């Protein structure tokens, strides 16, 4: 969740980051409108991080180490 300098047309200025890459995908938290901004443009418009995601835990049934065949 980030806060941008100018509010969206709906009046909200908090956005959720939904895509990372060369372009950053954002979704308005009020109306759900989605936009793409260039990384440089987002850095210019960004005023604050509202909330950062917590680290996701892998599922309990997922084996991270392959079984050993000694």
N, C-alpha and C. Protein backbone atom coordinates (compact mmCIF):
# COMPACT_ATOMS: atom_id res chain seq x y z
N UNK A 1 0.85 -1.17 0.00
CA UNK A 1 0.00 0.00 0.00
C UNK A 1 0.89 1.24 0.00
N UNK A 2 0.63 2.12 -0.92
CA UNK A 2 1.39 3.36 -1.02
C UNK A 2 0.43 4.55 -1.09
N UNK A 3 0.93 5.71 -0.73
CA UNK A 3 0.17 6.95 -0.83
C UNK A 3 0.85 7.81 -1.89
N UNK A 4 0.06 8.26 -2.86
CA UNK A 4 0.60 9.10 -3.92
C UNK A 4 0.26 10.56 -3.65
N UNK A 5 0.99 11.43 -4.32
CA UNK A 5 0.87 12.87 -4.10
C UNK A 5 -0.51 13.41 -4.46
N UNK A 6 -0.98 13.13 -5.66
CA UNK A 6 -2.29 13.64 -6.10
C UNK A 6 -3.35 12.56 -5.91
N UNK A 7 -4.54 12.93 -5.44
CA UNK A 7 -5.59 11.92 -5.29
C UNK A 7 -6.16 11.49 -6.63
N UNK A 8 -6.72 10.29 -6.66
CA UNK A 8 -7.40 9.76 -7.83
C UNK A 8 -8.70 10.55 -8.02
N UNK A 9 -9.36 10.41 -9.14
CA UNK A 9 -10.59 11.13 -9.43
C UNK A 9 -11.67 10.83 -8.38
N UNK A 10 -11.64 9.61 -7.82
CA UNK A 10 -12.63 9.23 -6.81
C UNK A 10 -12.35 9.89 -5.46
N UNK A 11 -11.20 10.53 -5.29
CA UNK A 11 -10.87 11.23 -4.06
C UNK A 11 -9.89 10.50 -3.16
N UNK A 12 -9.53 9.28 -3.49
CA UNK A 12 -8.62 8.49 -2.67
C UNK A 12 -7.19 8.63 -3.19
N UNK A 13 -6.21 8.59 -2.28
CA UNK A 13 -4.82 8.65 -2.73
C UNK A 13 -4.00 7.46 -2.23
N UNK A 14 -4.67 6.38 -1.79
CA UNK A 14 -3.97 5.16 -1.37
C UNK A 14 -4.17 4.07 -2.41
N UNK A 15 -3.07 3.44 -2.77
CA UNK A 15 -3.05 2.44 -3.84
C UNK A 15 -2.36 1.18 -3.36
N UNK A 16 -2.78 0.04 -3.87
CA UNK A 16 -2.13 -1.24 -3.58
C UNK A 16 -1.28 -1.60 -4.79
N UNK A 17 -0.05 -2.03 -4.54
CA UNK A 17 0.83 -2.45 -5.62
C UNK A 17 0.45 -3.88 -5.99
N UNK A 18 0.10 -4.10 -7.25
CA UNK A 18 -0.33 -5.43 -7.70
C UNK A 18 0.62 -6.04 -8.72
N UNK A 19 1.58 -5.28 -9.22
CA UNK A 19 2.52 -5.80 -10.22
C UNK A 19 3.83 -5.05 -10.10
N UNK A 20 4.93 -5.79 -10.13
CA UNK A 20 6.26 -5.18 -10.12
C UNK A 20 6.98 -5.57 -11.39
N UNK A 21 7.74 -4.65 -11.93
CA UNK A 21 8.51 -4.87 -13.14
C UNK A 21 9.02 -3.53 -13.61
N UNK A 22 9.22 -3.38 -14.92
CA UNK A 22 9.62 -2.09 -15.46
C UNK A 22 8.50 -1.08 -15.21
N UNK A 23 7.26 -1.55 -15.33
CA UNK A 23 6.09 -0.74 -14.97
C UNK A 23 5.52 -1.29 -13.68
N UNK A 24 4.95 -0.43 -12.87
CA UNK A 24 4.36 -0.82 -11.59
C UNK A 24 2.84 -0.77 -11.74
N UNK A 25 2.17 -1.86 -11.42
CA UNK A 25 0.71 -1.90 -11.47
C UNK A 25 0.14 -1.49 -10.13
N UNK A 26 -0.84 -0.58 -10.14
CA UNK A 26 -1.47 -0.09 -8.92
C UNK A 26 -2.98 -0.25 -9.03
N UNK A 27 -3.63 -0.51 -7.88
CA UNK A 27 -5.09 -0.59 -7.82
C UNK A 27 -5.58 0.37 -6.74
N UNK A 28 -6.53 1.24 -7.10
CA UNK A 28 -7.10 2.21 -6.16
C UNK A 28 -7.85 1.46 -5.07
N UNK A 29 -7.63 1.83 -3.83
CA UNK A 29 -8.27 1.15 -2.71
C UNK A 29 -9.73 1.55 -2.54
N UNK A 30 -10.16 2.62 -3.17
CA UNK A 30 -11.55 3.06 -3.03
C UNK A 30 -12.43 2.50 -4.15
N UNK A 31 -12.04 2.72 -5.40
CA UNK A 31 -12.90 2.34 -6.53
C UNK A 31 -12.41 1.10 -7.28
N UNK A 32 -11.17 0.64 -7.03
CA UNK A 32 -10.66 -0.56 -7.69
C UNK A 32 -10.05 -0.32 -9.06
N UNK A 33 -9.97 0.92 -9.52
CA UNK A 33 -9.40 1.23 -10.83
C UNK A 33 -7.92 0.83 -10.84
N UNK A 34 -7.48 0.24 -11.96
CA UNK A 34 -6.08 -0.21 -12.08
C UNK A 34 -5.35 0.66 -13.09
N UNK A 35 -4.08 0.99 -12.74
CA UNK A 35 -3.24 1.78 -13.64
C UNK A 35 -1.84 1.17 -13.68
N UNK A 36 -1.09 1.52 -14.69
CA UNK A 36 0.32 1.17 -14.80
C UNK A 36 1.13 2.45 -14.82
N UNK A 37 2.15 2.51 -13.99
CA UNK A 37 3.06 3.66 -13.97
C UNK A 37 4.48 3.17 -14.19
N UNK A 38 5.24 3.95 -14.91
CA UNK A 38 6.67 3.64 -15.04
C UNK A 38 7.30 3.78 -13.65
N UNK A 39 8.31 2.98 -13.39
CA UNK A 39 8.96 2.98 -12.08
C UNK A 39 9.44 4.38 -11.70
N UNK A 40 10.01 5.10 -12.64
CA UNK A 40 10.50 6.46 -12.37
C UNK A 40 9.35 7.39 -12.01
N UNK A 41 8.20 7.26 -12.69
CA UNK A 41 7.03 8.09 -12.41
C UNK A 41 6.48 7.80 -11.01
N UNK A 42 6.44 6.53 -10.63
CA UNK A 42 5.96 6.18 -9.28
C UNK A 42 6.88 6.77 -8.22
N UNK A 43 8.19 6.68 -8.42
CA UNK A 43 9.13 7.24 -7.44
C UNK A 43 8.93 8.75 -7.28
N UNK A 44 8.55 9.42 -8.35
CA UNK A 44 8.32 10.86 -8.30
C UNK A 44 7.03 11.20 -7.57
N UNK A 45 5.99 10.39 -7.77
CA UNK A 45 4.67 10.66 -7.17
C UNK A 45 4.49 10.12 -5.76
N UNK A 46 5.34 9.20 -5.33
CA UNK A 46 5.19 8.52 -4.05
C UNK A 46 5.46 9.48 -2.88
N UNK A 47 4.57 9.46 -1.89
CA UNK A 47 4.80 10.26 -0.69
C UNK A 47 5.09 9.38 0.52
N UNK A 48 4.47 8.19 0.60
CA UNK A 48 4.69 7.34 1.78
C UNK A 48 4.26 5.91 1.49
N UNK A 49 4.86 4.98 2.24
CA UNK A 49 4.39 3.60 2.27
C UNK A 49 3.39 3.52 3.41
N UNK A 50 2.16 3.13 3.12
CA UNK A 50 1.13 3.03 4.14
C UNK A 50 1.30 1.74 4.93
N UNK A 51 1.51 0.66 4.20
CA UNK A 51 1.67 -0.64 4.84
C UNK A 51 2.50 -1.51 3.92
N UNK A 52 3.42 -2.25 4.49
CA UNK A 52 4.23 -3.18 3.71
C UNK A 52 3.72 -4.59 3.94
N UNK A 53 3.81 -5.45 2.93
CA UNK A 53 3.33 -6.82 3.11
C UNK A 53 4.22 -7.59 4.08
N UNK A 54 3.62 -8.53 4.78
CA UNK A 54 4.38 -9.40 5.67
C UNK A 54 4.92 -10.55 4.84
N UNK A 55 6.00 -11.14 5.30
CA UNK A 55 6.59 -12.26 4.57
C UNK A 55 5.63 -13.43 4.55
N UNK A 56 5.42 -13.98 3.39
CA UNK A 56 4.52 -15.13 3.26
C UNK A 56 5.27 -16.40 3.64
N UNK A 57 4.62 -17.26 4.36
CA UNK A 57 5.18 -18.56 4.73
C UNK A 57 4.80 -19.58 3.68
N UNK A 58 5.70 -20.49 3.31
CA UNK A 58 5.34 -21.54 2.34
C UNK A 58 4.35 -22.51 2.98
N UNK A 59 3.54 -23.17 2.18
CA UNK A 59 2.60 -24.15 2.73
C UNK A 59 3.33 -25.25 3.48
N UNK A 60 2.68 -25.78 4.51
CA UNK A 60 3.31 -26.80 5.37
C UNK A 60 3.60 -28.08 4.60
N UNK A 61 2.79 -28.42 3.59
CA UNK A 61 2.99 -29.68 2.87
C UNK A 61 4.00 -29.56 1.73
N UNK A 62 4.60 -28.41 1.54
CA UNK A 62 5.58 -28.19 0.49
C UNK A 62 6.96 -28.61 0.97
N UNK A 63 7.58 -29.54 0.24
CA UNK A 63 8.94 -29.97 0.58
C UNK A 63 9.93 -29.04 -0.09
N UNK A 64 10.72 -28.35 0.71
CA UNK A 64 11.69 -27.42 0.15
C UNK A 64 12.99 -28.12 -0.21
N UNK A 65 13.35 -29.18 0.49
CA UNK A 65 14.56 -29.94 0.19
C UNK A 65 14.16 -31.24 -0.50
N UNK A 66 14.80 -31.55 -1.65
CA UNK A 66 14.45 -32.81 -2.32
C UNK A 66 14.89 -34.01 -1.47
N UNK A 67 14.18 -35.12 -1.56
CA UNK A 67 14.56 -36.30 -0.77
C UNK A 67 15.93 -36.82 -1.20
N UNK A 68 16.69 -37.28 -0.24
CA UNK A 68 18.05 -37.80 -0.51
C UNK A 68 17.97 -39.27 -0.89
N UNK A 69 18.76 -39.64 -1.89
CA UNK A 69 18.79 -41.05 -2.34
C UNK A 69 20.21 -41.57 -2.15
N UNK A 70 20.63 -41.73 -0.91
CA UNK A 70 21.99 -42.23 -0.61
C UNK A 70 22.03 -43.72 -0.63
